Amino acid sequence: MALHETRTIQLKNGDSIIMRPALVSEAEALLTAFLEILPTSPYILSTAESAARKTVETQMKWITDANEDPKGALIIAEHQGRIIGITNMVAFKDSKRSHRAGLGMSVHHDYRGQGLGEALLRRLIEVAQNIEGLSFLELNVMSANQPAFKLYEKLGFQQVGYLREAYRQPDGVFTDDISMSLDLRARPS
């Protein structure tokens, strides 16, 4: 487990948020959070329908795997006992790519624009910088998701690839994919 510490942060609106590792006992709450977040998150690959097919057991396995992975992390943001944000990273398992980790992030719509995504991502980057042998964090972002793209750029991610019309939204509109990478070796610890 790469992450041990609990932190409290203040959002722009003054709310106190706890950021910490997810616990296996919170599998149902994590699933509930996804079911709340996904219907208002058109730029996340998972959908409310796919989340509805998940079970508490699959969430328990996901949490356990993240907590036991020396090159992984699963960080939640909690407000008044409710999970409102999630970020995670998973390193590739094969030896040729084990220096790279992919990341994902979800923030509840009621808390967007308050600095929560930035705080979660900064914490994940901090954790990643302290993992021996991890050199890059990688992500994909839909081109229509400009707030996320700008946040990733602000935190040092660089565009490394572009795939035209990679995603089709439920309304039939296509969105391009932007691949981004953060060189952890080039960042001050």
C-alpha atoms as a PDB file:
ATOM      1  CA  MET A   1       0.000   0.000   0.000  1.00  0.00           C
ATOM      2  CA  ALA A   2       1.472   3.290  -1.112  1.00  0.00           C
ATOM      3  CA  LEU A   3      -0.855   5.495   0.903  1.00  0.00           C
ATOM      4  CA  HIS A   4      -1.287   5.672   4.648  1.00  0.00           C
ATOM      5  CA  GLU A   5      -2.024   9.229   5.633  1.00  0.00           C
ATOM      6  CA  THR A   6      -5.351  10.977   6.208  1.00  0.00           C
ATOM      7  CA  ARG A   7      -5.563  14.688   5.396  1.00  0.00           C
ATOM      8  CA  THR A   8      -8.179  17.353   5.898  1.00  0.00           C
ATOM      9  CA  ILE A   9      -8.513  20.107   3.303  1.00  0.00           C
ATOM     10  CA  GLN A  10     -10.749  23.147   2.916  1.00  0.00           C
ATOM     11  CA  LEU A  11     -12.690  23.624  -0.295  1.00  0.00           C
ATOM     12  CA  LYS A  12     -13.272  27.059  -1.820  1.00  0.00           C
ATOM     13  CA  ASN A  13     -16.744  27.098  -0.255  1.00  0.00           C
ATOM     14  CA  GLY A  14     -15.286  26.424   3.215  1.00  0.00           C
ATOM     15  CA  ASP A  15     -16.323  22.759   3.518  1.00  0.00           C
ATOM     16  CA  SER A  16     -13.838  20.546   5.344  1.00  0.00           C
ATOM     17  CA  ILE A  17     -13.042  17.417   3.357  1.00  0.00           C
ATOM     18  CA  ILE A  18     -11.161  14.348   4.527  1.00  0.00           C
ATOM     19  CA  MET A  19      -8.878  12.639   2.000  1.00  0.00           C
ATOM     20  CA  ARG A  20      -7.742   9.138   2.898  1.00  0.00           C
ATOM     21  CA  PRO A  21      -7.296   5.589   1.652  1.00  0.00           C
ATOM     22  CA  ALA A  22     -10.485   3.661   0.944  1.00  0.00           C
ATOM     23  CA  LEU A  23     -11.393   0.897   3.396  1.00  0.00           C
ATOM     24  CA  VAL A  24     -12.751  -2.501   2.378  1.00  0.00           C
ATOM     25  CA  SER A  25     -15.651  -1.922   4.775  1.00  0.00           C
ATOM     26  CA  GLU A  26     -16.691   1.034   2.569  1.00  0.00           C
ATOM     27  CA  ALA A  27     -17.290  -1.040  -0.575  1.00  0.00           C
ATOM     28  CA  GLU A  28     -21.036  -0.384  -0.533  1.00  0.00           C
ATOM     29  CA  ALA A  29     -20.544   3.347   0.107  1.00  0.00           C
ATOM     30  CA  LEU A  30     -18.047   3.489  -2.769  1.00  0.00           C
ATOM     31  CA  LEU A  31     -20.530   1.814  -5.074  1.00  0.00           C
ATOM     32  CA  THR A  32     -23.224   4.285  -3.945  1.00  0.00           C
ATOM     33  CA  ALA A  33     -20.836   7.175  -4.677  1.00  0.00           C
ATOM     34  CA  PHE A  34     -20.277   5.914  -8.219  1.00  0.00           C
ATOM     35  CA  LEU A  35     -24.023   5.558  -8.734  1.00  0.00           C
ATOM     36  CA  GLU A  36     -24.418   9.215  -7.671  1.00  0.00           C
ATOM     37  CA  ILE A  37     -21.443  10.547  -9.671  1.00  0.00           C
ATOM     38  CA  LEU A  38     -21.775   8.752 -12.995  1.00  0.00           C
ATOM     39  CA  PRO A  39     -25.191  10.043 -14.175  1.00  0.00           C
ATOM     40  CA  THR A  40     -23.795  13.597 -14.180  1.00  0.00           C
ATOM     41  CA  SER A  41     -20.340  12.688 -15.524  1.00  0.00           C
ATOM     42  CA  PRO A  42     -20.445  12.330 -19.316  1.00  0.00           C
ATOM     43  CA  TYR A  43     -16.642  12.354 -19.542  1.00  0.00           C
ATOM     44  CA  ILE A  44     -15.997   9.259 -17.436  1.00  0.00           C
ATOM     45  CA  LEU A  45     -15.761   5.975 -19.348  1.00  0.00           C
ATOM     46  CA  SER A  46     -17.846   4.101 -16.809  1.00  0.00           C
ATOM     47  CA  THR A  47     -21.581   4.656 -16.951  1.00  0.00           C
ATOM     48  CA  ALA A  48     -24.327   4.470 -14.356  1.00  0.00           C
ATOM     49  CA  GLU A  49     -25.511   1.297 -16.105  1.00  0.00           C
ATOM     50  CA  SER A  50     -22.103  -0.379 -15.807  1.00  0.00           C
ATOM     51  CA  ALA A  51     -21.823   0.681 -12.154  1.00  0.00           C
ATOM     52  CA  ALA A  52     -25.270  -0.748 -11.429  1.00  0.00           C
ATOM     53  CA  ARG A  53     -23.972  -4.160 -12.539  1.00  0.00           C
ATOM     54  CA  LYS A  54     -21.103  -4.044 -10.045  1.00  0.00           C
ATOM     55  CA  THR A  55     -21.432  -5.776  -6.715  1.00  0.00           C
ATOM     56  CA  VAL A  56     -20.206  -4.970  -3.243  1.00  0.00           C
ATOM     57  CA  GLU A  57     -17.846  -7.940  -3.637  1.00  0.00           C
ATOM     58  CA  THR A  58     -16.244  -6.509  -6.793  1.00  0.00           C
ATOM     59  CA  GLN A  59     -15.768  -3.189  -4.996  1.00  0.00           C
ATOM     60  CA  MET A  60     -14.210  -4.993  -2.026  1.00  0.00           C
ATOM     61  CA  LYS A  61     -11.739  -6.693  -4.376  1.00  0.00           C
ATOM     62  CA  TRP A  62     -10.923  -3.381  -6.072  1.00  0.00           C
ATOM     63  CA  ILE A  63     -10.216  -1.725  -2.712  1.00  0.00           C
ATOM     64  CA  THR A  64      -8.180  -4.688  -1.458  1.00  0.00           C
ATOM     65  CA  ASP A  65      -6.122  -4.842  -4.654  1.00  0.00           C
ATOM     66  CA  ALA A  66      -5.422  -1.099  -4.525  1.00  0.00           C
ATOM     67  CA  ASN A  67      -4.458  -1.199  -0.850  1.00  0.00           C
ATOM     68  CA  GLU A  68      -2.123  -4.163  -1.329  1.00  0.00           C
ATOM     69  CA  ASP A  69      -0.480  -2.911  -4.526  1.00  0.00           C
ATOM     70  CA  PRO A  70       2.900  -1.288  -3.754  1.00  0.00           C
ATOM     71  CA  LYS A  71       2.521   0.833  -6.923  1.00  0.00           C
ATOM     72  CA  GLY A  72      -1.148   1.629  -6.529  1.00  0.00           C
ATOM     73  CA  ALA A  73      -3.455   3.860  -4.537  1.00  0.00           C
ATOM     74  CA  LEU A  74      -7.163   4.447  -4.063  1.00  0.00           C
ATOM     75  CA  ILE A  75      -7.905   7.773  -2.387  1.00  0.00           C
ATOM     76  CA  ILE A  76     -11.371   8.915  -1.405  1.00  0.00           C
ATOM     77  CA  ALA A  77     -12.639  12.330  -0.413  1.00  0.00           C
ATOM     78  CA  GLU A  78     -15.271  12.335   2.291  1.00  0.00           C
ATOM     79  CA  HIS A  79     -17.615  15.080   3.466  1.00  0.00           C
ATOM     80  CA  GLN A  80     -19.811  14.480   6.498  1.00  0.00           C
ATOM     81  CA  GLY A  81     -19.471  10.707   6.128  1.00  0.00           C
ATOM     82  CA  ARG A  82     -20.293  10.690   2.404  1.00  0.00           C
ATOM     83  CA  ILE A  83     -17.801   9.763  -0.343  1.00  0.00           C
ATOM     84  CA  ILE A  84     -17.735  12.689  -2.784  1.00  0.00           C
ATOM     85  CA  GLY A  85     -14.527  12.121  -4.720  1.00  0.00           C
ATOM     86  CA  ILE A  86     -12.354   9.223  -5.792  1.00  0.00           C
ATOM     87  CA  THR A  87      -8.966   8.977  -7.464  1.00  0.00           C
ATOM     88  CA  ASN A  88      -6.810   5.970  -8.083  1.00  0.00           C
ATOM     89  CA  MET A  89      -3.705   4.807  -9.868  1.00  0.00           C
ATOM     90  CA  VAL A  90      -2.597   1.389 -11.028  1.00  0.00           C
ATOM     91  CA  ALA A  91       0.851   0.626 -12.434  1.00  0.00           C
ATOM     92  CA  PHE A  92       1.213  -1.714 -15.356  1.00  0.00           C
ATOM     93  CA  LYS A  93       2.201  -5.172 -14.125  1.00  0.00           C
ATOM     94  CA  ASP A  94       4.539  -6.234 -16.943  1.00  0.00           C
ATOM     95  CA  SER A  95       8.238  -5.425 -16.561  1.00  0.00           C
ATOM     96  CA  LYS A  96       8.460  -3.302 -19.710  1.00  0.00           C
ATOM     97  CA  ARG A  97       5.781  -0.862 -18.510  1.00  0.00           C
ATOM     98  CA  SER A  98       5.931  -1.152 -14.716  1.00  0.00           C
ATOM     99  CA  HIS A  99       7.440   2.361 -14.508  1.00  0.00           C
ATOM    100  CA  ARG A 100       4.088   3.775 -15.669  1.00  0.00           C
ATOM    101  CA  ALA A 101       0.752   4.064 -13.847  1.00  0.00           C
ATOM    102  CA  GLY A 102      -2.644   5.020 -15.181  1.00  0.00           C
ATOM    103  CA  LEU A 103      -4.989   7.147 -13.126  1.00  0.00           C
ATOM    104  CA  GLY A 104      -8.656   7.875 -12.879  1.00  0.00           C
ATOM    105  CA  MET A 105     -10.667  10.458 -10.990  1.00  0.00           C
ATOM    106  CA  SER A 106     -14.333  11.151 -10.224  1.00  0.00           C
ATOM    107  CA  VAL A 107     -15.837  14.078  -8.325  1.00  0.00           C
ATOM    108  CA  HIS A 108     -19.483  14.373  -7.248  1.00  0.00           C
ATOM    109  CA  HIS A 109     -21.245  17.112  -9.228  1.00  0.00           C
ATOM    110  CA  ASP A 110     -22.197  19.034  -6.059  1.00  0.00           C
ATOM    111  CA  TYR A 111     -18.483  19.528  -5.297  1.00  0.00           C
ATOM    112  CA  ARG A 112     -17.097  20.394  -8.732  1.00  0.00           C
ATOM    113  CA  GLY A 113     -15.426  23.760  -9.148  1.00  0.00           C
ATOM    114  CA  GLN A 114     -14.458  23.865  -5.456  1.00  0.00           C
ATOM    115  CA  GLY A 115     -10.847  22.636  -5.762  1.00  0.00           C
ATOM    116  CA  LEU A 116     -11.560  19.034  -4.797  1.00  0.00           C
ATOM    117  CA  GLY A 117     -10.310  17.503  -8.057  1.00  0.00           C
ATOM    118  CA  GLU A 118      -7.082  19.477  -7.807  1.00  0.00           C
ATOM    119  CA  ALA A 119      -6.555  18.460  -4.174  1.00  0.00           C
ATOM    120  CA  LEU A 120      -7.169  14.788  -4.957  1.00  0.00           C
ATOM    121  CA  LEU A 121      -4.834  14.880  -7.936  1.00  0.00           C
ATOM    122  CA  ARG A 122      -2.087  16.712  -6.036  1.00  0.00           C
ATOM    123  CA  ARG A 123      -2.304  14.053  -3.305  1.00  0.00           C
ATOM    124  CA  LEU A 124      -2.133  11.242  -5.850  1.00  0.00           C
ATOM    125  CA  ILE A 125       0.910  12.835  -7.511  1.00  0.00           C
ATOM    126  CA  GLU A 126       2.578  13.157  -4.105  1.00  0.00           C
ATOM    127  CA  VAL A 127       1.961   9.474  -3.397  1.00  0.00           C
ATOM    128  CA  ALA A 128       3.229   8.513  -6.869  1.00  0.00           C
ATOM    129  CA  GLN A 129       6.440  10.509  -6.407  1.00  0.00           C
ATOM    130  CA  ASN A 130       7.265   8.412  -3.358  1.00  0.00           C
ATOM    131  CA  ILE A 131       6.899   5.054  -5.105  1.00  0.00           C
ATOM    132  CA  GLU A 132      10.230   3.583  -6.076  1.00  0.00           C
ATOM    133  CA  GLY A 133      10.466   2.732  -9.748  1.00  0.00           C
ATOM    134  CA  LEU A 134       7.426   4.761 -10.820  1.00  0.00           C
ATOM    135  CA  SER A 135       8.353   7.376 -13.435  1.00  0.00           C
ATOM    136  CA  PHE A 136       5.130   8.402 -15.172  1.00  0.00           C
ATOM    137  CA  LEU A 137       1.475   9.004 -14.389  1.00  0.00           C
ATOM    138  CA  GLU A 138      -0.779   8.720 -17.413  1.00  0.00           C
ATOM    139  CA  LEU A 139      -4.395   9.520 -18.181  1.00  0.00           C
ATOM    140  CA  ASN A 140      -6.837   9.977 -20.991  1.00  0.00           C
ATOM    141  CA  VAL A 141      -9.268  12.865 -21.088  1.00  0.00           C
ATOM    142  CA  MET A 142     -12.096  13.575 -23.511  1.00  0.00           C
ATOM    143  CA  SER A 143     -11.383  16.722 -25.506  1.00  0.00           C
ATOM    144  CA  ALA A 144     -14.780  18.165 -24.597  1.00  0.00           C
ATOM    145  CA  ASN A 145     -13.829  18.042 -20.901  1.00  0.00           C
ATOM    146  CA  GLN A 146     -11.896  21.310 -20.933  1.00  0.00           C
ATOM    147  CA  PRO A 147     -11.991  21.927 -17.138  1.00  0.00           C
ATOM    148  CA  ALA A 148     -10.239  18.577 -16.552  1.00  0.00           C
ATOM    149  CA  PHE A 149      -7.782  19.146 -19.406  1.00  0.00           C
ATOM    150  CA  LYS A 150      -6.833  22.555 -17.991  1.00  0.00           C
ATOM    151  CA  LEU A 151      -6.414  21.085 -14.491  1.00  0.00           C
ATOM    152  CA  TYR A 152      -4.102  18.359 -15.798  1.00  0.00           C
ATOM    153  CA  GLU A 153      -2.039  20.931 -17.685  1.00  0.00           C
ATOM    154  CA  LYS A 154      -1.870  23.151 -14.585  1.00  0.00           C
ATOM    155  CA  LEU A 155      -0.425  20.240 -12.605  1.00  0.00           C
ATOM    156  CA  GLY A 156       2.239  19.497 -15.216  1.00  0.00           C
ATOM    157  CA  PHE A 157       0.686  16.826 -17.421  1.00  0.00           C
ATOM    158  CA  GLN A 158       1.642  17.125 -21.072  1.00  0.00           C
ATOM    159  CA  GLN A 159      -0.334  16.006 -24.079  1.00  0.00           C
ATOM    160  CA  VAL A 160       1.380  12.990 -25.647  1.00  0.00           C
ATOM    161  CA  GLY A 161      -1.312  11.709 -27.995  1.00  0.00           C
ATOM    162  CA  TYR A 162      -4.585  12.482 -29.681  1.00  0.00           C
ATOM    163  CA  LEU A 163      -7.201  10.137 -31.155  1.00  0.00           C
ATOM    164  CA  ARG A 164      -9.966  11.674 -33.222  1.00  0.00           C
ATOM    165  CA  GLU A 165     -13.570  10.624 -32.466  1.00  0.00           C
ATOM    166  CA  ALA A 166     -12.465   8.058 -29.898  1.00  0.00           C
ATOM    167  CA  TYR A 167     -15.694   8.198 -27.863  1.00  0.00           C
ATOM    168  CA  ARG A 168     -19.350   8.341 -28.805  1.00  0.00           C
ATOM    169  CA  GLN A 169     -21.634   9.980 -26.268  1.00  0.00           C
ATOM    170  CA  PRO A 170     -25.200   8.689 -25.698  1.00  0.00           C
ATOM    171  CA  ASP A 171     -26.521  11.567 -27.851  1.00  0.00           C
ATOM    172  CA  GLY A 172     -24.388  10.317 -30.762  1.00  0.00           C
ATOM    173  CA  VAL A 173     -21.829  13.134 -30.624  1.00  0.00           C
ATOM    174  CA  PHE A 174     -18.214  12.020 -30.996  1.00  0.00           C
ATOM    175  CA  THR A 175     -15.470  13.282 -28.688  1.00  0.00           C
ATOM    176  CA  ASP A 176     -11.718  13.083 -29.237  1.00  0.00           C
ATOM    177  CA  ASP A 177      -9.324  11.452 -26.774  1.00  0.00           C
ATOM    178  CA  ILE A 178      -6.285  13.265 -25.419  1.00  0.00           C
ATOM    179  CA  SER A 179      -3.538  11.139 -23.842  1.00  0.00           C
ATOM    180  CA  MET A 180      -1.521  12.962 -21.186  1.00  0.00           C
ATOM    181  CA  SER A 181       1.524  12.062 -19.143  1.00  0.00           C
ATOM    182  CA  LEU A 182       3.302  13.481 -16.120  1.00  0.00           C
ATOM    183  CA  ASP A 183       7.029  12.794 -15.753  1.00  0.00           C
ATOM    184  CA  LEU A 184       7.415  12.248 -12.013  1.00  0.00           C
ATOM    185  CA  ARG A 185      11.216  12.430 -12.283  1.00  0.00           C
ATOM    186  CA  ALA A 186      11.030  16.052 -13.464  1.00  0.00           C
ATOM    187  CA  ARG A 187       8.949  17.266 -10.501  1.00  0.00           C
ATOM    188  CA  PRO A 188      10.325  18.524  -7.216  1.00  0.00           C
ATOM    189  CA  SER A 189       9.337  16.222  -4.332  1.00  0.00           C
END
